[in-house]
N, C-alpha and C. Protein backbone atom coordinates (compact mmCIF):
# COMPACT_ATOMS: atom_id res chain seq x y z
N MET A 1 15.76 12.02 -22.11
CA MET A 1 13.87 11.58 -23.22
C MET A 1 13.73 12.28 -24.20
N SER A 2 13.45 12.09 -25.44
CA SER A 2 13.13 12.95 -26.67
C SER A 2 13.11 14.11 -26.80
N ASP A 3 13.19 14.55 -27.41
CA ASP A 3 12.51 16.10 -27.83
C ASP A 3 10.95 16.28 -28.21
N LYS A 4 10.78 14.73 -28.76
CA LYS A 4 9.26 14.60 -29.05
C LYS A 4 7.99 13.83 -27.90
N GLN A 5 9.07 12.57 -27.14
CA GLN A 5 8.58 12.38 -26.08
C GLN A 5 8.44 13.68 -24.50
N GLN A 6 9.24 14.49 -24.89
CA GLN A 6 9.30 15.85 -24.00
C GLN A 6 8.35 16.78 -24.36
N GLU A 7 7.81 16.86 -25.51
CA GLU A 7 7.37 17.69 -25.86
C GLU A 7 5.80 17.27 -25.48
N ALA A 8 5.73 15.64 -25.52
CA ALA A 8 4.32 15.25 -25.46
C ALA A 8 4.12 15.02 -24.20
N THR A 9 4.64 14.81 -23.30
CA THR A 9 4.43 14.58 -21.44
C THR A 9 4.45 16.54 -21.11
N SER A 10 4.76 17.59 -21.35
CA SER A 10 4.37 18.58 -21.56
C SER A 10 2.57 19.13 -21.72
N LEU A 11 2.59 18.35 -23.03
CA LEU A 11 1.36 19.06 -23.59
C LEU A 11 0.09 17.91 -22.81
N ILE A 12 0.61 16.36 -22.58
CA ILE A 12 -0.16 15.85 -21.31
C ILE A 12 -0.42 16.64 -20.23
N VAL A 13 0.41 17.53 -19.18
CA VAL A 13 0.55 17.73 -18.30
C VAL A 13 -0.72 19.18 -18.48
N GLU A 14 0.36 20.09 -19.42
CA GLU A 14 -0.47 21.03 -19.58
C GLU A 14 -2.07 21.12 -19.79
N LYS A 15 -2.47 19.91 -20.20
CA LYS A 15 -4.15 19.23 -19.60
C LYS A 15 -4.51 18.60 -18.79
N ILE A 16 -3.78 18.45 -18.17
CA ILE A 16 -4.60 18.24 -16.88
C ILE A 16 -4.19 19.29 -16.09
N ALA A 17 -3.16 20.66 -16.04
CA ALA A 17 -3.71 21.56 -15.34
C ALA A 17 -4.80 21.82 -15.84
N GLN A 18 -5.10 22.33 -17.50
CA GLN A 18 -6.11 23.30 -17.49
C GLN A 18 -7.33 22.63 -16.92
N ALA A 19 -7.43 21.07 -17.54
CA ALA A 19 -8.62 20.14 -16.81
C ALA A 19 -8.56 20.94 -15.32
N GLY A 20 -8.08 21.65 -14.24
CA GLY A 20 -8.18 21.67 -12.72
C GLY A 20 -7.55 20.63 -12.18
N ILE A 21 -7.08 19.53 -12.34
CA ILE A 21 -6.38 19.17 -11.60
C ILE A 21 -5.17 19.41 -10.36
N LYS A 22 -5.61 18.83 -9.23
CA LYS A 22 -4.65 19.53 -8.09
C LYS A 22 -3.80 18.46 -7.81
N LEU A 23 -4.52 16.77 -7.45
CA LEU A 23 -3.75 16.26 -7.29
C LEU A 23 -3.59 14.70 -8.12
N VAL A 24 -2.68 14.16 -8.03
CA VAL A 24 -2.51 12.81 -8.77
C VAL A 24 -1.55 11.98 -8.46
N ALA A 25 -2.06 10.76 -8.01
CA ALA A 25 -2.13 9.50 -7.64
C ALA A 25 -0.93 8.35 -8.81
N SER A 26 0.00 8.43 -8.25
CA SER A 26 0.28 7.58 -9.25
C SER A 26 0.57 5.98 -8.97
N LEU A 27 1.32 5.39 -10.21
CA LEU A 27 1.72 3.56 -9.45
C LEU A 27 2.67 4.16 -10.67
N PRO A 28 3.89 3.16 -10.63
CA PRO A 28 5.08 3.05 -11.24
C PRO A 28 4.69 1.86 -12.92
N ASP A 29 5.17 2.84 -13.89
CA ASP A 29 4.90 2.03 -15.45
C ASP A 29 5.98 2.50 -16.17
N ASP A 30 6.60 1.85 -17.11
CA ASP A 30 7.65 2.47 -17.74
C ASP A 30 7.25 3.44 -18.90
N TRP A 31 5.84 3.36 -19.60
CA TRP A 31 5.19 4.01 -20.96
C TRP A 31 5.20 5.25 -19.79
N ILE A 32 4.97 5.72 -18.49
CA ILE A 32 4.03 6.80 -18.13
C ILE A 32 4.92 7.58 -17.19
N ALA A 33 6.63 6.81 -16.89
CA ALA A 33 7.30 6.69 -15.99
C ALA A 33 7.68 8.37 -16.16
N PRO A 34 7.66 9.18 -17.53
CA PRO A 34 8.58 10.55 -17.75
C PRO A 34 7.03 11.50 -17.48
N LEU A 35 6.07 10.91 -17.60
CA LEU A 35 4.44 11.72 -16.84
C LEU A 35 4.53 12.02 -15.86
N ILE A 36 4.43 11.47 -14.84
CA ILE A 36 4.62 10.71 -13.83
C ILE A 36 6.19 11.70 -13.12
N PHE A 37 7.09 11.64 -13.66
CA PHE A 37 8.75 12.54 -13.28
C PHE A 37 8.30 14.22 -13.63
N ALA A 38 7.36 14.11 -14.53
CA ALA A 38 7.18 15.38 -14.91
C ALA A 38 5.63 16.55 -14.26
N ILE A 39 5.11 15.25 -13.65
CA ILE A 39 3.99 15.91 -12.57
C ILE A 39 4.31 16.23 -11.15
N ASP A 40 5.62 15.23 -10.89
CA ASP A 40 5.64 15.17 -9.55
C ASP A 40 6.62 16.61 -8.69
N LYS A 41 7.13 17.13 -10.46
CA LYS A 41 8.22 18.27 -10.56
C LYS A 41 7.34 19.99 -10.70
N ASP A 42 5.91 19.39 -11.06
CA ASP A 42 5.17 20.78 -10.69
C ASP A 42 4.72 21.27 -10.18
N ASP A 43 5.05 22.00 -9.62
CA ASP A 43 4.02 22.66 -8.33
C ASP A 43 2.40 23.10 -8.48
N ARG A 44 2.06 23.03 -9.56
CA ARG A 44 0.59 22.77 -10.18
C ARG A 44 0.51 21.80 -9.15
N PHE A 45 0.46 20.58 -8.58
CA PHE A 45 0.14 20.08 -8.18
C PHE A 45 0.69 18.82 -7.16
N LYS A 46 -0.07 18.54 -6.76
CA LYS A 46 0.63 17.49 -5.37
C LYS A 46 0.73 16.03 -5.37
N HIS A 47 1.19 15.74 -5.91
CA HIS A 47 1.74 14.12 -6.50
C HIS A 47 2.33 13.07 -5.28
N VAL A 48 1.30 12.23 -5.25
CA VAL A 48 1.18 10.97 -4.04
C VAL A 48 1.68 9.81 -5.05
N PRO A 49 2.74 9.48 -4.52
CA PRO A 49 3.38 8.11 -5.51
C PRO A 49 2.54 7.03 -4.25
N VAL A 50 2.04 5.99 -4.73
CA VAL A 50 1.41 5.07 -4.11
C VAL A 50 1.49 4.13 -4.80
N ASN A 51 1.32 2.83 -3.31
CA ASN A 51 1.68 1.37 -3.80
C ASN A 51 1.17 0.21 -4.60
N ARG A 52 -0.18 0.92 -3.89
CA ARG A 52 -1.40 -0.19 -4.66
C ARG A 52 -2.30 0.38 -5.43
N GLU A 53 -2.97 0.06 -6.62
CA GLU A 53 -3.98 0.46 -7.72
C GLU A 53 -4.98 1.08 -6.71
N GLU A 54 -5.90 -0.31 -5.63
CA GLU A 54 -6.92 0.31 -5.05
C GLU A 54 -6.21 1.65 -3.76
N SER A 55 -5.20 2.23 -3.41
CA SER A 55 -4.92 3.21 -2.58
C SER A 55 -5.49 4.73 -3.86
N ALA A 56 -4.43 4.46 -4.66
CA ALA A 56 -4.97 5.44 -6.45
C ALA A 56 -6.54 6.21 -5.84
N ILE A 57 -7.35 4.65 -5.86
CA ILE A 57 -8.35 4.75 -6.28
C ILE A 57 -9.61 5.58 -4.92
N GLY A 58 -9.44 4.63 -3.91
CA GLY A 58 -8.94 5.57 -2.50
C GLY A 58 -8.59 6.74 -2.83
N LEU A 59 -7.60 7.31 -2.95
CA LEU A 59 -7.36 8.86 -2.56
C LEU A 59 -8.10 9.54 -3.65
N CYS A 60 -8.11 9.37 -4.52
CA CYS A 60 -8.64 10.40 -5.61
C CYS A 60 -9.95 10.51 -5.46
N SER A 61 -11.03 9.60 -4.74
CA SER A 61 -12.17 9.81 -4.34
C SER A 61 -12.50 10.34 -3.61
N GLY A 62 -11.19 10.13 -2.58
CA GLY A 62 -11.58 10.80 -1.29
C GLY A 62 -11.38 12.34 -1.40
N ALA A 63 -10.18 12.65 -2.18
CA ALA A 63 -10.90 13.70 -2.46
C ALA A 63 -11.45 14.47 -3.25
N TYR A 64 -11.98 13.98 -4.31
CA TYR A 64 -13.89 14.67 -4.42
C TYR A 64 -14.45 14.60 -3.67
N PHE A 65 -14.18 14.33 -2.34
CA PHE A 65 -15.30 14.72 -1.32
C PHE A 65 -14.74 16.05 -0.40
N GLY A 66 -13.34 16.47 -0.98
CA GLY A 66 -13.02 17.56 0.15
C GLY A 66 -12.70 18.67 -1.26
N GLY A 67 -13.39 18.38 -2.23
CA GLY A 67 -13.03 19.39 -3.45
C GLY A 67 -11.60 19.64 -3.79
N VAL A 68 -11.24 18.30 -3.96
CA VAL A 68 -10.56 18.52 -4.96
C VAL A 68 -10.04 17.78 -6.19
N PRO A 69 -9.48 18.16 -6.96
CA PRO A 69 -10.36 17.91 -8.57
C PRO A 69 -8.64 16.71 -8.68
N ALA A 70 -8.94 15.47 -8.96
CA ALA A 70 -8.01 14.37 -8.95
C ALA A 70 -7.80 13.21 -9.90
N LEU A 71 -6.46 12.63 -10.05
CA LEU A 71 -6.36 11.79 -11.21
C LEU A 71 -5.81 10.94 -10.30
N ALA A 72 -6.44 9.63 -10.84
CA ALA A 72 -5.40 8.35 -10.77
C ALA A 72 -4.66 7.63 -12.30
N LEU A 73 -3.34 8.22 -12.05
CA LEU A 73 -2.39 7.06 -13.52
C LEU A 73 -1.65 6.42 -12.70
N MET A 74 -1.80 5.14 -13.49
CA MET A 74 -1.20 3.85 -13.91
C MET A 74 -1.64 2.96 -14.87
N GLY A 75 -0.88 1.58 -15.06
CA GLY A 75 -0.87 0.91 -16.16
C GLY A 75 -2.20 0.21 -15.83
N ALA A 76 -2.05 0.34 -17.78
CA ALA A 76 -3.16 -0.78 -17.60
C ALA A 76 -3.61 -2.05 -17.29
N SER A 77 -2.73 -2.60 -16.93
CA SER A 77 -2.82 -4.17 -15.80
C SER A 77 -3.82 -3.80 -14.54
N GLY A 78 -3.07 -2.43 -14.07
CA GLY A 78 -3.69 -1.83 -12.68
C GLY A 78 -5.10 -0.84 -12.84
N LEU A 79 -5.35 -0.65 -13.54
CA LEU A 79 -6.87 -0.51 -13.54
C LEU A 79 -7.67 -1.89 -13.69
N THR A 80 -7.07 -2.69 -14.45
CA THR A 80 -7.98 -4.26 -14.43
C THR A 80 -8.29 -4.57 -12.83
N THR A 81 -7.05 -4.17 -12.25
CA THR A 81 -7.30 -4.59 -10.97
C THR A 81 -8.01 -3.80 -9.68
N CYS A 82 -8.59 -2.92 -10.37
CA CYS A 82 -9.20 -1.86 -9.63
C CYS A 82 -10.84 -2.46 -9.87
N ILE A 83 -11.31 -2.82 -10.28
CA ILE A 83 -12.53 -3.00 -11.06
C ILE A 83 -13.95 -3.06 -9.68
N TYR A 84 -13.01 -4.20 -9.08
CA TYR A 84 -14.62 -3.96 -7.89
C TYR A 84 -14.40 -3.16 -7.10
N GLY A 85 -13.42 -2.22 -6.52
CA GLY A 85 -13.72 -0.62 -6.01
C GLY A 85 -14.13 0.06 -6.74
N ILE A 86 -13.99 0.46 -8.08
CA ILE A 86 -14.81 1.49 -9.17
C ILE A 86 -16.31 0.88 -9.11
N THR A 87 -16.63 -0.35 -9.04
CA THR A 87 -18.26 -0.51 -9.05
C THR A 87 -18.60 -0.83 -8.20
N LYS A 88 -17.77 -0.99 -6.48
CA LYS A 88 -18.55 -1.54 -5.39
C LYS A 88 -18.54 0.34 -4.90
N ILE A 89 -17.15 1.14 -4.61
CA ILE A 89 -17.39 2.69 -4.16
C ILE A 89 -17.66 3.38 -5.01
N ASN A 90 -17.49 3.80 -6.28
CA ASN A 90 -17.45 5.10 -7.31
C ASN A 90 -18.92 5.07 -8.44
N TYR A 91 -19.11 3.56 -8.54
CA TYR A 91 -20.39 3.37 -9.05
C TYR A 91 -21.66 3.84 -8.03
N SER A 92 -21.22 2.95 -7.02
CA SER A 92 -22.67 2.95 -5.80
C SER A 92 -22.82 4.69 -5.29
N PHE A 93 -21.92 4.85 -5.30
CA PHE A 93 -21.83 6.32 -4.38
C PHE A 93 -22.05 7.49 -5.26
N HIS A 94 -21.75 7.19 -6.60
CA HIS A 94 -21.95 8.23 -7.54
C HIS A 94 -20.57 9.12 -7.44
N ILE A 95 -19.63 8.47 -7.05
CA ILE A 95 -18.13 9.37 -6.74
C ILE A 95 -17.37 9.53 -8.24
N PRO A 96 -17.39 10.42 -8.93
CA PRO A 96 -16.86 10.90 -10.19
C PRO A 96 -14.89 10.56 -9.65
N LEU A 97 -14.36 9.57 -10.92
CA LEU A 97 -13.43 9.22 -10.56
C LEU A 97 -12.17 9.54 -11.73
N PHE A 98 -11.54 10.26 -12.49
CA PHE A 98 -10.52 9.93 -13.30
C PHE A 98 -8.71 9.82 -12.91
N LEU A 99 -9.00 8.45 -13.77
CA LEU A 99 -8.12 8.07 -14.44
C LEU A 99 -7.03 8.73 -15.13
N PHE A 100 -5.86 8.14 -15.28
CA PHE A 100 -4.81 7.65 -17.31
C PHE A 100 -4.57 6.43 -16.95
N ALA A 101 -4.82 5.40 -18.19
CA ALA A 101 -3.99 4.21 -18.45
C ALA A 101 -2.79 3.73 -19.03
N THR A 102 -2.00 3.08 -19.47
CA THR A 102 -1.78 2.72 -20.86
C THR A 102 -2.86 1.95 -21.64
N LEU A 103 -2.01 1.81 -23.13
CA LEU A 103 -2.99 0.89 -24.09
C LEU A 103 -2.02 0.41 -23.96
N ARG A 104 -2.05 -1.38 -23.17
CA ARG A 104 -0.90 -2.38 -23.47
C ARG A 104 -1.46 -3.32 -24.38
N GLY A 105 -0.76 -4.49 -24.72
CA GLY A 105 -1.40 -5.53 -25.18
C GLY A 105 -1.56 -5.30 -26.92
N VAL A 106 -1.92 -4.05 -27.21
CA VAL A 106 -2.22 -4.43 -28.56
C VAL A 106 -1.06 -4.06 -29.75
N ILE A 107 -1.29 -3.94 -30.64
CA ILE A 107 -0.59 -3.74 -32.11
C ILE A 107 0.61 -2.66 -31.53
N GLY A 108 1.81 -3.64 -32.06
CA GLY A 108 3.02 -2.69 -31.82
C GLY A 108 3.62 -2.75 -30.21
N ASP A 109 2.46 -3.28 -29.31
CA ASP A 109 3.39 -3.51 -28.29
C ASP A 109 3.86 -5.39 -28.51
N PRO A 110 5.16 -5.00 -28.39
CA PRO A 110 5.83 -6.14 -28.22
C PRO A 110 6.40 -7.28 -27.36
N ARG A 111 5.50 -6.66 -25.88
CA ARG A 111 5.52 -7.94 -24.62
C ARG A 111 4.20 -8.39 -24.55
N PRO A 112 4.75 -9.22 -24.77
CA PRO A 112 3.65 -10.94 -25.14
C PRO A 112 2.61 -10.79 -23.64
N HIS A 113 3.36 -10.71 -22.27
CA HIS A 113 2.77 -11.05 -20.98
C HIS A 113 1.92 -9.70 -20.89
N HIS A 114 1.65 -8.76 -21.80
CA HIS A 114 0.20 -7.93 -21.93
C HIS A 114 -0.56 -8.09 -22.61
N ILE A 115 -0.43 -9.35 -23.47
CA ILE A 115 -1.49 -9.31 -24.32
C ILE A 115 -2.88 -9.68 -23.79
N SER A 116 -2.89 -9.81 -22.42
CA SER A 116 -4.28 -10.27 -22.05
C SER A 116 -5.01 -8.78 -21.62
N ASN A 117 -3.97 -7.44 -21.70
CA ASN A 117 -4.68 -6.16 -21.39
C ASN A 117 -4.80 -5.67 -22.71
N GLY A 118 -4.49 -6.41 -24.04
CA GLY A 118 -4.76 -5.95 -25.25
C GLY A 118 -6.05 -6.56 -25.77
N LEU A 119 -6.17 -7.74 -25.22
CA LEU A 119 -7.24 -8.58 -25.42
C LEU A 119 -8.99 -8.37 -24.54
N TYR A 120 -8.24 -7.23 -23.53
CA TYR A 120 -9.80 -7.54 -22.51
C TYR A 120 -9.55 -6.07 -22.21
N LEU A 121 -8.89 -5.26 -21.91
CA LEU A 121 -8.91 -4.06 -21.20
C LEU A 121 -10.61 -3.41 -21.92
N THR A 122 -10.77 -3.13 -23.25
CA THR A 122 -11.80 -2.44 -23.51
C THR A 122 -12.57 -2.87 -23.50
N LYS A 123 -12.73 -4.15 -24.10
CA LYS A 123 -14.10 -5.23 -23.37
C LYS A 123 -14.47 -5.00 -21.93
N LEU A 124 -13.53 -4.93 -21.13
CA LEU A 124 -13.91 -5.15 -19.84
C LEU A 124 -14.46 -3.69 -19.41
N LEU A 125 -13.92 -2.42 -19.74
CA LEU A 125 -14.52 -1.02 -19.69
C LEU A 125 -16.01 -1.35 -20.44
N ASP A 126 -15.98 -1.61 -20.88
CA ASP A 126 -17.41 -2.08 -21.90
C ASP A 126 -18.57 -2.82 -21.25
N SER A 127 -18.28 -3.28 -20.32
CA SER A 127 -18.52 -4.55 -20.14
C SER A 127 -19.09 -4.22 -18.70
N ILE A 128 -18.79 -2.56 -18.36
CA ILE A 128 -19.43 -2.20 -16.63
C ILE A 128 -19.61 -0.76 -16.88
N SER A 129 -19.45 -0.51 -18.31
CA SER A 129 -20.10 0.92 -18.92
C SER A 129 -19.28 1.50 -18.46
N LEU A 130 -18.10 1.77 -18.13
CA LEU A 130 -16.80 3.22 -18.25
C LEU A 130 -16.33 3.80 -19.03
N PRO A 131 -17.03 5.18 -19.06
CA PRO A 131 -16.69 5.74 -20.20
C PRO A 131 -14.87 5.98 -20.40
N TYR A 132 -14.42 5.87 -21.39
CA TYR A 132 -13.50 6.05 -21.84
C TYR A 132 -12.96 7.09 -22.98
N LEU A 133 -11.66 7.48 -23.75
CA LEU A 133 -10.95 7.60 -24.52
C LEU A 133 -9.59 7.45 -24.97
N ILE A 134 -9.65 6.85 -25.47
CA ILE A 134 -8.43 6.17 -26.24
C ILE A 134 -7.62 6.88 -26.85
N VAL A 135 -6.59 7.69 -26.95
CA VAL A 135 -5.90 8.62 -27.41
C VAL A 135 -4.47 8.09 -27.86
N GLU A 136 -4.84 8.22 -29.23
CA GLU A 136 -3.65 7.34 -29.99
C GLU A 136 -2.81 8.10 -30.82
N GLU A 137 -3.32 9.08 -30.85
CA GLU A 137 -3.08 10.17 -31.77
C GLU A 137 -2.75 11.35 -30.93
N GLN A 138 -1.74 12.37 -30.76
CA GLN A 138 -1.30 13.63 -30.19
C GLN A 138 -2.32 14.40 -30.34
N LYS A 139 -3.22 14.65 -31.16
CA LYS A 139 -4.45 15.37 -31.37
C LYS A 139 -5.55 15.33 -30.70
N THR A 140 -5.78 14.22 -30.06
CA THR A 140 -6.72 14.04 -28.89
C THR A 140 -6.33 14.15 -27.85
N ILE A 141 -5.16 15.00 -27.21
CA ILE A 141 -4.47 15.06 -25.60
C ILE A 141 -5.01 16.29 -25.51
N SER A 142 -6.19 17.10 -26.37
CA SER A 142 -6.59 18.39 -26.57
C SER A 142 -7.82 17.88 -25.53
N ARG A 143 -8.58 16.91 -25.96
CA ARG A 143 -9.90 16.07 -25.03
C ARG A 143 -9.43 16.19 -22.81
N ILE A 144 -8.09 15.99 -22.98
CA ILE A 144 -8.51 15.34 -22.12
C ILE A 144 -8.89 16.78 -20.89
N PRO A 145 -9.17 17.67 -20.69
CA PRO A 145 -10.56 18.48 -19.98
C PRO A 145 -11.80 18.55 -20.59
N ASP A 146 -12.20 18.00 -21.78
CA ASP A 146 -13.94 17.99 -21.65
C ASP A 146 -14.16 16.70 -21.16
N ALA A 147 -13.22 15.02 -21.18
CA ALA A 147 -13.48 14.22 -20.75
C ALA A 147 -13.30 14.30 -19.18
N PHE A 148 -12.48 15.42 -18.48
CA PHE A 148 -12.90 14.71 -16.97
C PHE A 148 -13.68 15.97 -16.50
N LYS A 149 -14.44 16.91 -17.42
CA LYS A 149 -15.55 17.48 -17.41
C LYS A 149 -16.70 16.84 -17.57
N HIS A 150 -16.88 15.80 -18.31
CA HIS A 150 -17.86 14.78 -18.43
C HIS A 150 -17.84 13.95 -17.44
N CYS A 151 -16.76 13.63 -17.21
CA CYS A 151 -16.80 12.27 -15.74
C CYS A 151 -17.45 13.57 -14.50
N ILE A 152 -16.76 14.62 -14.15
CA ILE A 152 -17.77 16.07 -13.03
C ILE A 152 -19.20 15.56 -13.70
N ALA A 153 -19.39 15.83 -14.40
CA ALA A 153 -20.34 15.89 -14.87
C ALA A 153 -21.75 14.74 -14.67
N MET A 154 -21.06 13.58 -14.72
CA MET A 154 -21.98 12.12 -15.02
C MET A 154 -21.61 11.73 -13.54
N ASN A 155 -21.39 12.20 -13.06
CA ASN A 155 -20.88 11.83 -11.64
C ASN A 155 -20.15 9.94 -11.71
N ARG A 156 -19.62 9.84 -12.83
CA ARG A 156 -19.01 9.08 -12.99
C ARG A 156 -17.69 8.94 -12.94
N PRO A 157 -16.91 7.47 -12.94
CA PRO A 157 -15.19 7.11 -13.05
C PRO A 157 -15.53 7.42 -15.01
N GLU A 158 -14.38 8.12 -15.12
CA GLU A 158 -14.12 8.22 -16.94
C GLU A 158 -12.46 7.52 -17.15
N VAL A 159 -11.82 6.95 -18.23
CA VAL A 159 -10.90 6.77 -18.10
C VAL A 159 -10.04 7.40 -19.73
N VAL A 160 -9.07 7.81 -18.89
CA VAL A 160 -7.88 8.18 -20.54
C VAL A 160 -6.98 6.88 -20.75
N ILE A 161 -7.37 6.94 -21.71
CA ILE A 161 -5.65 5.63 -21.76
C ILE A 161 -5.13 6.07 -23.46
N PHE A 162 -3.41 5.94 -22.81
CA PHE A 162 -2.70 6.20 -23.60
C PHE A 162 -1.86 5.15 -24.85
N SER A 163 -1.30 4.75 -25.98
CA SER A 163 -1.22 4.60 -26.54
C SER A 163 0.70 5.06 -26.16
N GLU A 164 1.36 3.73 -26.54
CA GLU A 164 2.75 3.88 -26.38
C GLU A 164 3.30 5.22 -27.33
N ALA A 165 2.74 5.24 -28.53
CA ALA A 165 3.28 6.36 -29.72
C ALA A 165 3.21 7.40 -29.06
N VAL A 166 1.65 7.53 -28.74
CA VAL A 166 1.51 9.40 -27.95
C VAL A 166 1.83 9.23 -26.31
N LEU A 167 2.66 8.73 -25.86
CA LEU A 167 3.20 9.39 -24.70
C LEU A 167 5.05 9.05 -25.13
N ARG A 168 5.31 8.56 -26.05
CA ARG A 168 6.34 8.56 -26.84
C ARG A 168 6.65 9.76 -27.94
N GLY A 169 5.24 10.47 -28.26
CA GLY A 169 5.73 12.10 -29.43
C GLY A 169 5.15 11.37 -30.67
N GLU A 170 5.64 9.82 -30.99
CA GLU A 170 5.19 9.60 -31.89
C GLU A 170 4.40 9.74 -32.96
N ALA A 171 3.30 10.17 -32.57
CA ALA A 171 2.13 9.70 -32.64
C ALA A 171 1.60 11.14 -33.02
């Protein structure tokens, strides 16, 4: 990991801790692998790797009822698979759910199999009125605690979406 990527990862981890997050459920994604590794090694968090995105949604939603601030961490395509669960469970029962995802398929992403994420992710979130914060510059990382507070205050899910450049420490 480059020094810039380490700096960006450390800043994100600090903002997660500052928000009061105690539990992080994650699924593998190459862009967020360094972040997952850093969270796993940090004693301030209980890290639970899961095998399905819906498991992260269920775990973090249940943690809310136990008074444990939680974060579900996944790639963009994983988030799109969770829309039914989010609208059925979190919206119906007013359960806040804080999520991190990747901003795939946009300009600069050379992977053609992620084009659908770039075309539909924000439109899909808009269509279900799911608030999101796009982090395309490192300075926006400082807004993570505010996004979490908003999620809790509104009793609704909220997503923070990271560009690859930010996760690599290049933006």
